[in-house]
C-alpha cells in the first residue's frame, strides 16, 4: 500500500510500513499507474461489519515505459468468484496507419440478428455490377456495422460494471454505518453502567 486511503475496515496498516514501501518505489524511480474503476482490488467478509477492502494489485512503471507507452492505462476488472480483482493493463490506443487492412469476417457476427440484412442491403445497393466491387462494398459496410455492434456491446459491459461498483460502494456504506451504530451502542451501555456503579457507591457511603 502507498497510502492509508487504500484500505478500509478493521485495523489500519502501520504507518512505517506504508512509508517504507513508498520510499522503495521512489528510490527505484517508479510511478504507480492510476487505477480506473473500483478503487480496491481485494476484499474479505463483504456485506458484514468485519468487511475489509484493500488495493493490493497495482502496476509500477518507470520513465522509459511511459515514454514507449504514453497512453498506457490500468483498469480494475470484475471478479465474481475470487476475492482478488484482476487488473487490465492497456499499453496504447489503437493508431490507424495509412495501409488499408484486409477484410476479416468475425464469427461472432453470426449471432447478431442484423447480419443478414446488412449483407443483403449492401449487395443490392452496390452501384457497380462487378463482383469484386460488390464484395468490397459489402465488406466495408460489414466493417462499419461490426464496429457499431462491438461499441454497443462494450457500452453494455461498462454499464454493468458501473452497477456492480455502485452496489459495492452502497454495501460498504451500509456496513460502515452499521459498524458505527454498534460502536455507539456499546459506548452508551458502558457509560450507563458506569453511572449506575457510581450511584451505588454513593449510596453505600451515605
N, C-alpha and C. Protein backbone atom coordinates (compact mmCIF):
# COMPACT_ATOMS: atom_id res chain seq x y z
N UNK A 1 0.83 -1.19 0.00
CA UNK A 1 0.00 0.00 0.00
C UNK A 1 0.87 1.25 0.00
N UNK A 2 0.44 2.23 -0.76
CA UNK A 2 1.16 3.50 -0.83
C UNK A 2 0.49 4.59 -0.01
N UNK A 3 -0.73 4.32 0.47
CA UNK A 3 -1.47 5.33 1.23
C UNK A 3 -2.48 4.64 2.14
N UNK A 4 -2.75 5.22 3.32
CA UNK A 4 -3.77 4.64 4.20
C UNK A 4 -5.15 4.60 3.55
N UNK A 5 -5.38 5.47 2.55
CA UNK A 5 -6.68 5.51 1.87
C UNK A 5 -6.92 4.27 1.02
N UNK A 6 -5.87 3.44 0.83
CA UNK A 6 -6.02 2.26 0.00
C UNK A 6 -6.54 1.06 0.80
N UNK A 7 -7.01 1.31 2.00
CA UNK A 7 -7.62 0.26 2.80
C UNK A 7 -8.78 0.83 3.59
N UNK A 8 -9.85 0.03 3.76
CA UNK A 8 -10.96 0.40 4.63
C UNK A 8 -11.32 -0.83 5.47
N UNK A 9 -11.73 -0.58 6.70
CA UNK A 9 -12.18 -1.65 7.57
C UNK A 9 -11.13 -2.14 8.53
N UNK A 10 -11.55 -2.38 9.77
CA UNK A 10 -10.75 -3.00 10.82
C UNK A 10 -9.43 -2.27 11.05
N UNK A 11 -8.36 -3.00 11.37
CA UNK A 11 -7.10 -2.39 11.81
C UNK A 11 -6.34 -1.83 10.62
N UNK A 12 -5.85 -0.59 10.76
CA UNK A 12 -5.06 0.04 9.70
C UNK A 12 -3.65 -0.54 9.68
N UNK A 13 -3.03 -0.46 8.50
CA UNK A 13 -1.64 -0.89 8.39
C UNK A 13 -0.73 0.12 9.10
N UNK A 14 0.39 -0.33 9.66
CA UNK A 14 1.30 0.61 10.33
C UNK A 14 1.81 1.67 9.36
N UNK A 15 1.94 2.89 9.87
CA UNK A 15 2.40 3.99 9.03
C UNK A 15 3.81 3.76 8.53
N UNK A 16 4.67 3.18 9.37
CA UNK A 16 6.06 2.95 8.97
C UNK A 16 6.14 1.97 7.80
N UNK A 17 5.22 1.03 7.74
CA UNK A 17 5.23 0.05 6.66
C UNK A 17 4.83 0.70 5.34
N UNK A 18 3.82 1.56 5.39
CA UNK A 18 3.37 2.26 4.18
C UNK A 18 4.46 3.22 3.70
N UNK A 19 5.06 3.96 4.63
CA UNK A 19 6.12 4.90 4.25
C UNK A 19 7.33 4.18 3.67
N UNK A 20 7.63 3.00 4.22
CA UNK A 20 8.77 2.23 3.72
C UNK A 20 8.57 1.78 2.28
N UNK A 21 7.37 1.31 1.98
CA UNK A 21 7.07 0.89 0.62
C UNK A 21 7.10 2.07 -0.33
N UNK A 22 6.57 3.21 0.12
CA UNK A 22 6.57 4.41 -0.72
C UNK A 22 8.01 4.86 -1.02
N UNK A 23 8.89 4.77 -0.02
CA UNK A 23 10.29 5.15 -0.23
C UNK A 23 10.99 4.22 -1.23
N UNK A 24 10.68 2.93 -1.15
CA UNK A 24 11.28 1.97 -2.10
C UNK A 24 10.84 2.29 -3.52
N UNK A 25 9.56 2.58 -3.70
CA UNK A 25 9.04 2.92 -5.03
C UNK A 25 9.72 4.17 -5.57
N UNK A 26 9.88 5.18 -4.72
CA UNK A 26 10.51 6.42 -5.14
C UNK A 26 11.99 6.20 -5.45
N UNK A 27 12.68 5.41 -4.64
CA UNK A 27 14.10 5.14 -4.85
C UNK A 27 14.34 4.42 -6.17
N UNK A 28 13.45 3.54 -6.52
CA UNK A 28 13.57 2.79 -7.78
C UNK A 28 13.12 3.61 -8.99
N UNK A 29 12.64 4.82 -8.76
CA UNK A 29 12.20 5.67 -9.87
C UNK A 29 10.94 5.16 -10.55
N UNK A 30 10.04 4.57 -9.77
CA UNK A 30 8.82 4.01 -10.33
C UNK A 30 7.62 4.92 -10.08
N UNK A 31 6.63 4.78 -10.92
CA UNK A 31 5.39 5.54 -10.81
C UNK A 31 4.23 4.57 -10.73
N UNK A 32 3.30 4.83 -9.85
CA UNK A 32 2.11 3.99 -9.69
C UNK A 32 1.05 4.44 -10.68
N UNK A 33 0.69 3.56 -11.61
CA UNK A 33 -0.34 3.92 -12.59
C UNK A 33 -1.69 4.09 -11.90
N UNK A 34 -2.41 5.15 -12.17
CA UNK A 34 -3.75 5.32 -11.58
C UNK A 34 -4.67 4.18 -11.98
N UNK A 35 -5.49 3.76 -11.06
CA UNK A 35 -6.40 2.65 -11.30
C UNK A 35 -7.78 3.18 -11.67
N UNK A 36 -8.28 2.79 -12.83
CA UNK A 36 -9.62 3.19 -13.25
C UNK A 36 -10.64 2.19 -12.74
N UNK A 37 -11.81 2.70 -12.35
CA UNK A 37 -12.86 1.83 -11.85
C UNK A 37 -12.89 1.78 -10.34
N UNK A 38 -13.30 0.65 -9.79
CA UNK A 38 -13.42 0.49 -8.34
C UNK A 38 -12.04 0.62 -7.70
N UNK A 39 -11.90 1.38 -6.60
CA UNK A 39 -10.57 1.69 -6.07
C UNK A 39 -9.87 0.56 -5.33
N UNK A 40 -10.57 -0.53 -5.00
CA UNK A 40 -9.96 -1.61 -4.24
C UNK A 40 -9.94 -2.89 -5.08
N UNK A 41 -8.88 -3.70 -4.89
CA UNK A 41 -8.71 -4.91 -5.70
C UNK A 41 -8.80 -6.20 -4.87
N UNK A 42 -8.98 -6.09 -3.58
CA UNK A 42 -9.10 -7.28 -2.73
C UNK A 42 -10.13 -7.01 -1.64
N UNK A 43 -10.90 -8.04 -1.30
CA UNK A 43 -11.95 -7.86 -0.30
C UNK A 43 -12.12 -9.15 0.50
N UNK A 44 -12.57 -8.97 1.74
CA UNK A 44 -12.86 -10.12 2.60
C UNK A 44 -14.07 -9.77 3.47
N UNK A 45 -14.93 -10.76 3.65
CA UNK A 45 -16.12 -10.61 4.51
C UNK A 45 -17.01 -9.47 4.06
N UNK A 46 -17.15 -9.30 2.75
CA UNK A 46 -18.01 -8.22 2.24
C UNK A 46 -19.45 -8.44 2.67
N UNK A 47 -20.12 -7.33 3.01
CA UNK A 47 -21.50 -7.40 3.44
C UNK A 47 -21.67 -7.61 4.93
N UNK A 48 -20.55 -7.62 5.68
CA UNK A 48 -20.60 -7.79 7.14
C UNK A 48 -19.89 -6.62 7.80
N UNK A 49 -20.01 -6.53 9.14
CA UNK A 49 -19.34 -5.45 9.86
C UNK A 49 -17.84 -5.67 9.93
N UNK A 50 -17.38 -6.87 9.56
CA UNK A 50 -15.95 -7.16 9.54
C UNK A 50 -15.35 -7.02 8.15
N UNK A 51 -16.04 -6.37 7.25
CA UNK A 51 -15.58 -6.24 5.86
C UNK A 51 -14.25 -5.48 5.79
N UNK A 52 -13.37 -5.98 4.94
CA UNK A 52 -12.07 -5.35 4.70
C UNK A 52 -11.85 -5.28 3.20
N UNK A 53 -11.40 -4.12 2.72
CA UNK A 53 -11.07 -3.96 1.31
C UNK A 53 -9.76 -3.21 1.19
N UNK A 54 -8.91 -3.66 0.25
CA UNK A 54 -7.62 -3.03 0.04
C UNK A 54 -7.29 -2.98 -1.44
N UNK A 55 -6.39 -2.06 -1.77
CA UNK A 55 -5.82 -2.06 -3.12
C UNK A 55 -4.46 -2.76 -3.03
N UNK A 56 -4.45 -4.02 -3.43
CA UNK A 56 -3.23 -4.81 -3.38
C UNK A 56 -2.56 -4.85 -4.76
N UNK A 57 -3.35 -5.19 -5.78
CA UNK A 57 -2.81 -5.28 -7.13
C UNK A 57 -2.55 -3.88 -7.69
N UNK A 58 -1.43 -3.70 -8.35
CA UNK A 58 -1.08 -2.42 -8.94
C UNK A 58 -0.06 -2.63 -10.05
N UNK A 59 0.24 -1.56 -10.78
CA UNK A 59 1.26 -1.59 -11.83
C UNK A 59 2.21 -0.41 -11.61
N UNK A 60 3.48 -0.73 -11.42
CA UNK A 60 4.51 0.28 -11.23
C UNK A 60 5.38 0.35 -12.47
N UNK A 61 5.56 1.54 -13.02
CA UNK A 61 6.30 1.71 -14.27
C UNK A 61 7.38 2.78 -14.09
N UNK A 62 8.39 2.73 -14.96
CA UNK A 62 9.43 3.76 -14.92
C UNK A 62 9.26 4.73 -16.08
N UNK A 63 10.15 5.72 -16.17
CA UNK A 63 10.02 6.75 -17.20
C UNK A 63 10.18 6.17 -18.61
N UNK A 64 11.05 5.16 -18.72
CA UNK A 64 11.24 4.54 -20.03
C UNK A 64 9.97 3.89 -20.54
N UNK A 65 9.24 3.26 -19.63
CA UNK A 65 7.99 2.60 -20.03
C UNK A 65 6.96 3.63 -20.47
N UNK A 66 6.83 4.71 -19.70
CA UNK A 66 5.84 5.73 -20.05
C UNK A 66 6.19 6.45 -21.35
N UNK A 67 7.49 6.48 -21.69
CA UNK A 67 7.89 7.08 -22.96
C UNK A 67 7.47 6.21 -24.13
N UNK A 68 7.60 4.90 -23.95
CA UNK A 68 7.21 3.97 -25.02
C UNK A 68 5.69 3.83 -25.11
N UNK A 69 5.05 3.84 -23.94
CA UNK A 69 3.58 3.67 -23.90
C UNK A 69 2.93 4.87 -23.20
N UNK A 70 2.91 6.02 -23.86
CA UNK A 70 2.36 7.23 -23.21
C UNK A 70 0.87 7.16 -22.94
N UNK A 71 0.16 6.26 -23.62
CA UNK A 71 -1.29 6.16 -23.43
C UNK A 71 -1.67 4.96 -22.56
N UNK A 72 -0.72 4.40 -21.85
CA UNK A 72 -1.00 3.23 -21.02
C UNK A 72 -2.00 3.53 -19.91
N UNK A 73 -2.92 2.62 -19.70
CA UNK A 73 -3.93 2.78 -18.64
C UNK A 73 -4.08 1.46 -17.88
N UNK A 74 -4.55 1.57 -16.64
CA UNK A 74 -4.77 0.41 -15.79
C UNK A 74 -6.22 0.41 -15.32
N UNK A 75 -6.91 -0.70 -15.55
CA UNK A 75 -8.33 -0.78 -15.21
C UNK A 75 -8.59 -1.93 -14.25
N UNK A 76 -9.54 -1.70 -13.33
CA UNK A 76 -9.95 -2.73 -12.38
C UNK A 76 -11.11 -3.50 -12.99
N UNK A 77 -10.93 -4.80 -13.13
CA UNK A 77 -11.97 -5.64 -13.74
C UNK A 77 -12.78 -6.35 -12.66
N UNK A 78 -13.89 -6.93 -13.08
CA UNK A 78 -14.79 -7.60 -12.14
C UNK A 78 -14.43 -9.07 -12.00
N UNK A 79 -14.40 -9.57 -10.76
CA UNK A 79 -14.15 -10.98 -10.50
C UNK A 79 -15.28 -11.52 -9.64
N UNK A 80 -16.24 -12.24 -10.22
CA UNK A 80 -17.42 -12.69 -9.46
C UNK A 80 -17.11 -13.79 -8.44
N UNK A 81 -15.96 -14.49 -8.58
CA UNK A 81 -15.67 -15.61 -7.70
C UNK A 81 -14.52 -15.30 -6.74
N UNK A 82 -13.38 -14.88 -7.29
CA UNK A 82 -12.19 -14.65 -6.47
C UNK A 82 -12.35 -13.42 -5.59
N UNK A 83 -11.62 -13.40 -4.46
CA UNK A 83 -11.61 -12.21 -3.61
C UNK A 83 -10.64 -11.16 -4.13
N UNK A 84 -9.87 -11.50 -5.17
CA UNK A 84 -8.98 -10.55 -5.84
C UNK A 84 -9.58 -10.14 -7.17
N UNK A 85 -9.49 -8.85 -7.48
CA UNK A 85 -9.97 -8.37 -8.77
C UNK A 85 -8.82 -8.35 -9.77
N UNK A 86 -9.01 -8.89 -10.96
CA UNK A 86 -7.94 -8.80 -11.98
C UNK A 86 -7.82 -7.37 -12.48
N UNK A 87 -6.61 -6.97 -12.80
CA UNK A 87 -6.38 -5.63 -13.36
C UNK A 87 -5.90 -5.78 -14.79
N UNK A 88 -6.35 -4.87 -15.64
CA UNK A 88 -6.04 -4.93 -17.07
C UNK A 88 -5.16 -3.75 -17.44
N UNK A 89 -3.96 -4.04 -17.95
CA UNK A 89 -3.04 -3.00 -18.39
C UNK A 89 -3.13 -2.87 -19.91
N UNK A 90 -3.59 -1.71 -20.36
CA UNK A 90 -3.69 -1.43 -21.79
C UNK A 90 -2.52 -0.52 -22.16
N UNK A 91 -1.69 -0.97 -23.06
CA UNK A 91 -0.44 -0.25 -23.32
C UNK A 91 -0.61 0.98 -24.19
N UNK A 92 -1.53 0.94 -25.16
CA UNK A 92 -1.65 2.09 -26.05
C UNK A 92 -2.99 2.11 -26.75
N UNK A 93 -3.33 3.29 -27.26
CA UNK A 93 -4.52 3.42 -28.08
C UNK A 93 -4.24 2.87 -29.48
N UNK A 94 -5.28 2.40 -30.12
CA UNK A 94 -5.12 1.91 -31.48
C UNK A 94 -4.87 3.09 -32.42
N UNK A 95 -3.79 2.98 -33.19
CA UNK A 95 -3.44 4.04 -34.14
C UNK A 95 -3.61 3.49 -35.56
N UNK A 96 -4.43 4.14 -36.33
CA UNK A 96 -4.68 3.70 -37.70
C UNK A 96 -3.56 4.16 -38.61
N UNK A 97 -2.98 3.27 -39.35
CA UNK A 97 -1.93 3.61 -40.30
C UNK A 97 -2.54 3.88 -41.67
N UNK A 98 -1.70 4.33 -42.59
CA UNK A 98 -2.19 4.63 -43.93
C UNK A 98 -2.48 3.38 -44.74
N UNK A 99 -1.97 2.23 -44.29
CA UNK A 99 -2.18 1.00 -45.04
C UNK A 99 -3.56 0.44 -44.75
N UNK A 100 -4.27 0.08 -45.78
CA UNK A 100 -5.63 -0.44 -45.63
C UNK A 100 -5.57 -1.90 -45.17
N UNK A 101 -6.31 -2.20 -44.12
CA UNK A 101 -6.35 -3.56 -43.61
C UNK A 101 -7.32 -4.41 -44.42
N UNK A 102 -6.98 -5.67 -44.59
CA UNK A 102 -7.86 -6.58 -45.31
C UNK A 102 -9.10 -6.89 -44.49
N UNK A 103 -10.14 -7.28 -45.20
CA UNK A 103 -11.40 -7.58 -44.53
C UNK A 103 -11.30 -8.92 -43.79
N UNK A 104 -11.83 -8.92 -42.57
CA UNK A 104 -11.86 -10.15 -41.78
C UNK A 104 -13.27 -10.34 -41.23
N UNK A 105 -13.85 -11.44 -41.62
CA UNK A 105 -15.19 -11.75 -41.11
C UNK A 105 -15.05 -12.37 -39.72
N UNK A 106 -15.83 -11.87 -38.76
CA UNK A 106 -15.76 -12.35 -37.38
C UNK A 106 -16.93 -13.30 -37.11
N UNK A 107 -16.60 -14.46 -36.59
CA UNK A 107 -17.63 -15.48 -36.36
C UNK A 107 -18.70 -15.01 -35.38
N UNK A 108 -18.35 -14.12 -34.47
CA UNK A 108 -19.34 -13.65 -33.50
C UNK A 108 -20.48 -12.88 -34.17
N UNK A 109 -20.23 -12.37 -35.40
CA UNK A 109 -21.29 -11.67 -36.11
C UNK A 109 -22.45 -12.60 -36.46
N UNK A 110 -22.17 -13.90 -36.56
CA UNK A 110 -23.22 -14.86 -36.91
C UNK A 110 -24.33 -14.90 -35.87
N UNK A 111 -24.02 -14.46 -34.65
CA UNK A 111 -25.01 -14.47 -33.57
C UNK A 111 -25.80 -13.15 -33.50
N UNK A 112 -25.45 -12.20 -34.36
CA UNK A 112 -26.13 -10.91 -34.36
C UNK A 112 -27.31 -10.95 -35.35
N UNK A 113 -28.49 -10.52 -34.93
CA UNK A 113 -29.68 -10.60 -35.79
C UNK A 113 -29.63 -9.72 -37.03
N UNK A 114 -28.81 -8.67 -37.03
CA UNK A 114 -28.82 -7.75 -38.16
C UNK A 114 -27.84 -8.10 -39.27
N UNK A 115 -27.12 -9.21 -39.13
CA UNK A 115 -26.09 -9.55 -40.13
C UNK A 115 -26.67 -9.76 -41.52
N UNK A 116 -27.70 -10.59 -41.64
CA UNK A 116 -28.27 -10.91 -42.96
C UNK A 116 -28.77 -9.66 -43.67
N UNK A 117 -29.37 -8.76 -42.90
CA UNK A 117 -29.92 -7.54 -43.50
C UNK A 117 -28.81 -6.65 -44.05
N UNK A 118 -27.69 -6.54 -43.33
CA UNK A 118 -26.57 -5.72 -43.78
C UNK A 118 -26.00 -6.27 -45.08
N UNK A 119 -25.81 -7.59 -45.13
CA UNK A 119 -25.25 -8.21 -46.33
C UNK A 119 -26.19 -8.04 -47.52
N UNK A 120 -27.47 -8.28 -47.31
CA UNK A 120 -28.44 -8.20 -48.40
C UNK A 120 -28.55 -6.77 -48.93
N UNK A 121 -28.68 -5.79 -48.06
CA UNK A 121 -28.83 -4.40 -48.50
C UNK A 121 -27.55 -3.91 -49.19
N UNK A 122 -26.39 -4.31 -48.66
CA UNK A 122 -25.13 -3.87 -49.27
C UNK A 122 -24.98 -4.44 -50.68
N UNK A 123 -25.35 -5.69 -50.85
CA UNK A 123 -25.21 -6.33 -52.16
C UNK A 123 -26.17 -5.71 -53.17
N UNK A 124 -27.38 -5.43 -52.73
CA UNK A 124 -28.38 -4.88 -53.64
C UNK A 124 -28.09 -3.42 -53.97
N UNK A 125 -27.64 -2.66 -52.99
CA UNK A 125 -27.46 -1.22 -53.17
C UNK A 125 -26.12 -0.85 -53.80
N UNK A 126 -25.25 -1.81 -54.02
CA UNK A 126 -23.98 -1.51 -54.67
C UNK A 126 -24.22 -0.96 -56.07
N UNK A 127 -23.57 0.15 -56.41
CA UNK A 127 -23.79 0.79 -57.72
C UNK A 127 -23.06 0.09 -58.85
N UNK A 128 -22.13 -0.79 -58.51
CA UNK A 128 -21.36 -1.48 -59.53
C UNK A 128 -21.93 -2.88 -59.80
N UNK A 129 -21.71 -3.35 -60.99
CA UNK A 129 -22.15 -4.71 -61.35
C UNK A 129 -20.99 -5.71 -61.28
N UNK A 130 -19.81 -5.21 -61.05
CA UNK A 130 -18.65 -6.10 -60.97
C UNK A 130 -18.67 -6.84 -59.64
N UNK A 131 -18.32 -8.13 -59.66
CA UNK A 131 -18.35 -8.95 -58.46
C UNK A 131 -17.39 -8.44 -57.41
N UNK A 132 -16.18 -8.06 -57.81
CA UNK A 132 -15.18 -7.59 -56.84
C UNK A 132 -15.63 -6.29 -56.16
N UNK A 133 -16.26 -5.42 -56.92
CA UNK A 133 -16.74 -4.15 -56.35
C UNK A 133 -17.88 -4.41 -55.35
N UNK A 134 -18.76 -5.33 -55.70
CA UNK A 134 -19.85 -5.65 -54.79
C UNK A 134 -19.32 -6.25 -53.48
N UNK A 135 -18.33 -7.13 -53.61
CA UNK A 135 -17.74 -7.75 -52.43
C UNK A 135 -17.07 -6.70 -51.54
N UNK A 136 -16.35 -5.76 -52.17
CA UNK A 136 -15.67 -4.73 -51.40
C UNK A 136 -16.66 -3.80 -50.72
N UNK A 137 -17.72 -3.43 -51.43
CA UNK A 137 -18.76 -2.57 -50.86
C UNK A 137 -19.45 -3.25 -49.67
N UNK A 138 -19.74 -4.53 -49.84
CA UNK A 138 -20.37 -5.28 -48.75
C UNK A 138 -19.42 -5.42 -47.56
N UNK A 139 -18.14 -5.66 -47.83
CA UNK A 139 -17.15 -5.79 -46.77
C UNK A 139 -17.01 -4.48 -45.98
N UNK A 140 -16.99 -3.37 -46.67
CA UNK A 140 -16.87 -2.07 -45.99
C UNK A 140 -18.06 -1.81 -45.07
N UNK A 141 -19.26 -2.13 -45.56
CA UNK A 141 -20.45 -1.94 -44.73
C UNK A 141 -20.46 -2.89 -43.53
N UNK A 142 -19.97 -4.10 -43.73
CA UNK A 142 -19.89 -5.05 -42.62
C UNK A 142 -18.90 -4.57 -41.56
N UNK A 143 -17.80 -3.99 -42.00
CA UNK A 143 -16.82 -3.47 -41.05
C UNK A 143 -17.42 -2.36 -40.20
N UNK A 144 -18.12 -1.43 -40.83
CA UNK A 144 -18.75 -0.34 -40.09
C UNK A 144 -19.82 -0.87 -39.14
N UNK A 145 -20.62 -1.78 -39.62
CA UNK A 145 -21.67 -2.39 -38.79
C UNK A 145 -21.06 -3.15 -37.62
N UNK A 146 -19.97 -3.88 -37.88
CA UNK A 146 -19.32 -4.65 -36.83
C UNK A 146 -18.74 -3.76 -35.74
N UNK A 147 -18.16 -2.62 -36.13
CA UNK A 147 -17.63 -1.69 -35.13
C UNK A 147 -18.75 -1.13 -34.25
N UNK A 148 -19.89 -0.84 -34.88
CA UNK A 148 -21.03 -0.34 -34.12
C UNK A 148 -21.54 -1.38 -33.13
N UNK A 149 -21.62 -2.64 -33.57
CA UNK A 149 -22.07 -3.71 -32.68
C UNK A 149 -21.10 -3.88 -31.51
N UNK A 150 -19.79 -3.85 -31.79
CA UNK A 150 -18.80 -4.00 -30.73
C UNK A 150 -18.86 -2.84 -29.74
N UNK A 151 -19.07 -1.63 -30.26
CA UNK A 151 -19.15 -0.46 -29.39
C UNK A 151 -20.36 -0.54 -28.46
N UNK A 152 -21.50 -0.95 -29.02
CA UNK A 152 -22.72 -1.07 -28.21
C UNK A 152 -22.56 -2.17 -27.16
N UNK A 153 -21.88 -3.26 -27.53
CA UNK A 153 -21.66 -4.36 -26.59
C UNK A 153 -20.75 -3.90 -25.45
N UNK A 154 -19.71 -3.13 -25.78
CA UNK A 154 -18.80 -2.63 -24.75
C UNK A 154 -19.51 -1.66 -23.82
N UNK A 155 -20.42 -0.86 -24.38
CA UNK A 155 -21.18 0.08 -23.56
C UNK A 155 -22.06 -0.68 -22.57
N UNK A 156 -22.63 -1.81 -22.99
CA UNK A 156 -23.43 -2.64 -22.08
C UNK A 156 -22.57 -3.18 -20.95
N UNK A 157 -21.36 -3.63 -21.31
CA UNK A 157 -20.43 -4.15 -20.29
C UNK A 157 -20.08 -3.06 -19.29
N UNK A 158 -19.79 -1.85 -19.78
CA UNK A 158 -19.43 -0.74 -18.90
C UNK A 158 -20.58 -0.38 -17.96
N UNK A 159 -21.81 -0.41 -18.49
CA UNK A 159 -22.96 -0.11 -17.63
C UNK A 159 -23.12 -1.16 -16.54
N UNK A 160 -22.90 -2.41 -16.88
CA UNK A 160 -22.98 -3.48 -15.87
C UNK A 160 -21.89 -3.33 -14.82
N UNK A 161 -20.67 -2.97 -15.25
CA UNK A 161 -19.58 -2.76 -14.31
C UNK A 161 -19.90 -1.61 -13.36
N UNK A 162 -20.46 -0.54 -13.91
CA UNK A 162 -20.80 0.62 -13.07
C UNK A 162 -21.86 0.26 -12.04
N UNK A 163 -22.84 -0.58 -12.44
CA UNK A 163 -23.86 -1.01 -11.50
C UNK A 163 -23.25 -1.86 -10.38
N UNK A 164 -22.30 -2.74 -10.75
CA UNK A 164 -21.64 -3.58 -9.76
C UNK A 164 -20.83 -2.73 -8.80
N UNK A 165 -20.07 -1.75 -9.34
CA UNK A 165 -19.26 -0.87 -8.49
C UNK A 165 -20.15 -0.05 -7.56
N UNK A 166 -21.27 0.48 -8.09
CA UNK A 166 -22.18 1.27 -7.26
C UNK A 166 -22.78 0.43 -6.16
N UNK A 167 -23.13 -0.81 -6.48
CA UNK A 167 -23.68 -1.71 -5.48
C UNK A 167 -22.67 -2.01 -4.39
N UNK A 168 -21.39 -2.20 -4.78
CA UNK A 168 -20.34 -2.48 -3.80
C UNK A 168 -20.13 -1.29 -2.89
N UNK A 169 -20.15 -0.07 -3.47
CA UNK A 169 -19.97 1.13 -2.65
C UNK A 169 -21.14 1.32 -1.68
N UNK A 170 -22.36 1.02 -2.14
CA UNK A 170 -23.52 1.14 -1.26
C UNK A 170 -23.46 0.14 -0.13
N UNK A 171 -23.04 -1.10 -0.45
CA UNK A 171 -22.90 -2.12 0.59
C UNK A 171 -21.85 -1.71 1.61
N UNK A 172 -20.75 -1.12 1.10
CA UNK A 172 -19.68 -0.69 2.00
C UNK A 172 -20.18 0.42 2.94
N UNK A 173 -20.97 1.35 2.40
CA UNK A 173 -21.51 2.43 3.22
C UNK A 173 -22.46 1.89 4.28
N UNK A 174 -23.28 0.89 3.89
CA UNK A 174 -24.23 0.30 4.83
C UNK A 174 -23.50 -0.42 5.95
N UNK A 175 -22.43 -1.14 5.58
CA UNK A 175 -21.66 -1.86 6.59
C UNK A 175 -20.97 -0.89 7.55
N UNK A 176 -20.41 0.21 7.00
CA UNK A 176 -19.75 1.20 7.84
C UNK A 176 -20.74 1.85 8.80
N UNK A 177 -21.95 2.15 8.30
CA UNK A 177 -22.96 2.75 9.16
C UNK A 177 -23.39 1.80 10.26
N UNK A 178 -23.54 0.50 9.91
CA UNK A 178 -23.92 -0.49 10.92
C UNK A 178 -22.84 -0.64 11.97
N UNK A 179 -21.58 -0.60 11.53
CA UNK A 179 -20.46 -0.71 12.48
C UNK A 179 -20.43 0.47 13.43
N UNK A 180 -20.70 1.68 12.89
CA UNK A 180 -20.70 2.88 13.73
C UNK A 180 -21.82 2.82 14.76
N UNK A 181 -22.99 2.33 14.35
CA UNK A 181 -24.10 2.22 15.29
C UNK A 181 -23.79 1.21 16.38
N UNK A 182 -23.11 0.13 16.02
CA UNK A 182 -22.75 -0.89 17.00
C UNK A 182 -21.78 -0.32 18.04
N UNK A 183 -20.77 0.42 17.54
CA UNK A 183 -19.80 1.03 18.46
C UNK A 183 -20.48 2.05 19.37
N UNK A 184 -21.40 2.84 18.83
CA UNK A 184 -22.09 3.85 19.63
C UNK A 184 -22.95 3.19 20.70
N UNK A 185 -23.64 2.09 20.35
CA UNK A 185 -24.47 1.38 21.33
C UNK A 185 -23.64 0.81 22.45
N UNK A 186 -22.46 0.27 22.12
CA UNK A 186 -21.57 -0.28 23.16
C UNK A 186 -21.08 0.83 24.08
N UNK A 187 -20.74 1.99 23.54
CA UNK A 187 -20.26 3.10 24.34
C UNK A 187 -21.35 3.59 25.30
N UNK A 188 -22.57 3.67 24.79
CA UNK A 188 -23.67 4.13 25.64
C UNK A 188 -23.93 3.14 26.77
N UNK A 189 -23.84 1.86 26.50
CA UNK A 189 -24.07 0.86 27.53
C UNK A 189 -23.02 0.95 28.62
N UNK A 190 -21.76 1.15 28.22
CA UNK A 190 -20.69 1.26 29.21
C UNK A 190 -20.88 2.51 30.05
N UNK A 191 -21.23 3.63 29.41
CA UNK A 191 -21.44 4.87 30.14
C UNK A 191 -22.58 4.72 31.14
N UNK A 192 -23.66 4.09 30.74
CA UNK A 192 -24.81 3.90 31.63
C UNK A 192 -24.42 3.03 32.81
N UNK A 193 -23.67 1.96 32.51
CA UNK A 193 -23.24 1.09 33.59
C UNK A 193 -22.34 1.81 34.58
N UNK A 194 -21.47 2.68 34.05
CA UNK A 194 -20.60 3.44 34.94
C UNK A 194 -21.38 4.37 35.84
N UNK A 195 -22.40 5.02 35.30
CA UNK A 195 -23.24 5.90 36.12
C UNK A 195 -23.93 5.13 37.22
N UNK A 196 -24.41 3.90 36.91
CA UNK A 196 -25.11 3.09 37.92
C UNK A 196 -24.16 2.68 39.03
N UNK A 197 -22.92 2.32 38.66
CA UNK A 197 -21.95 1.93 39.68
C UNK A 197 -21.60 3.10 40.58
N UNK A 198 -21.46 4.27 39.97
CA UNK A 198 -21.13 5.46 40.76
C UNK A 198 -22.26 5.79 41.73
N UNK A 199 -23.50 5.68 41.30
CA UNK A 199 -24.66 5.95 42.15
C UNK A 199 -24.72 4.95 43.31
N UNK A 200 -24.46 3.69 42.98
CA UNK A 200 -24.49 2.66 44.02
C UNK A 200 -23.42 2.92 45.06
N UNK A 201 -22.23 3.38 44.65
CA UNK A 201 -21.14 3.67 45.58
C UNK A 201 -21.50 4.82 46.50
N UNK A 202 -22.13 5.85 46.00
CA UNK A 202 -22.53 6.98 46.85
C UNK A 202 -23.54 6.54 47.87
N UNK A 203 -24.45 5.63 47.54
CA UNK A 203 -25.46 5.16 48.49
C UNK A 203 -24.80 4.40 49.63
N UNK A 204 -23.81 3.57 49.34
CA UNK A 204 -23.13 2.81 50.38
C UNK A 204 -22.38 3.74 51.33
N UNK A 205 -21.74 4.77 50.79
CA UNK A 205 -21.00 5.71 51.63
C UNK A 205 -21.93 6.48 52.55
N UNK A 206 -23.13 6.78 52.05
CA UNK A 206 -24.10 7.52 52.87
C UNK A 206 -24.57 6.64 54.03
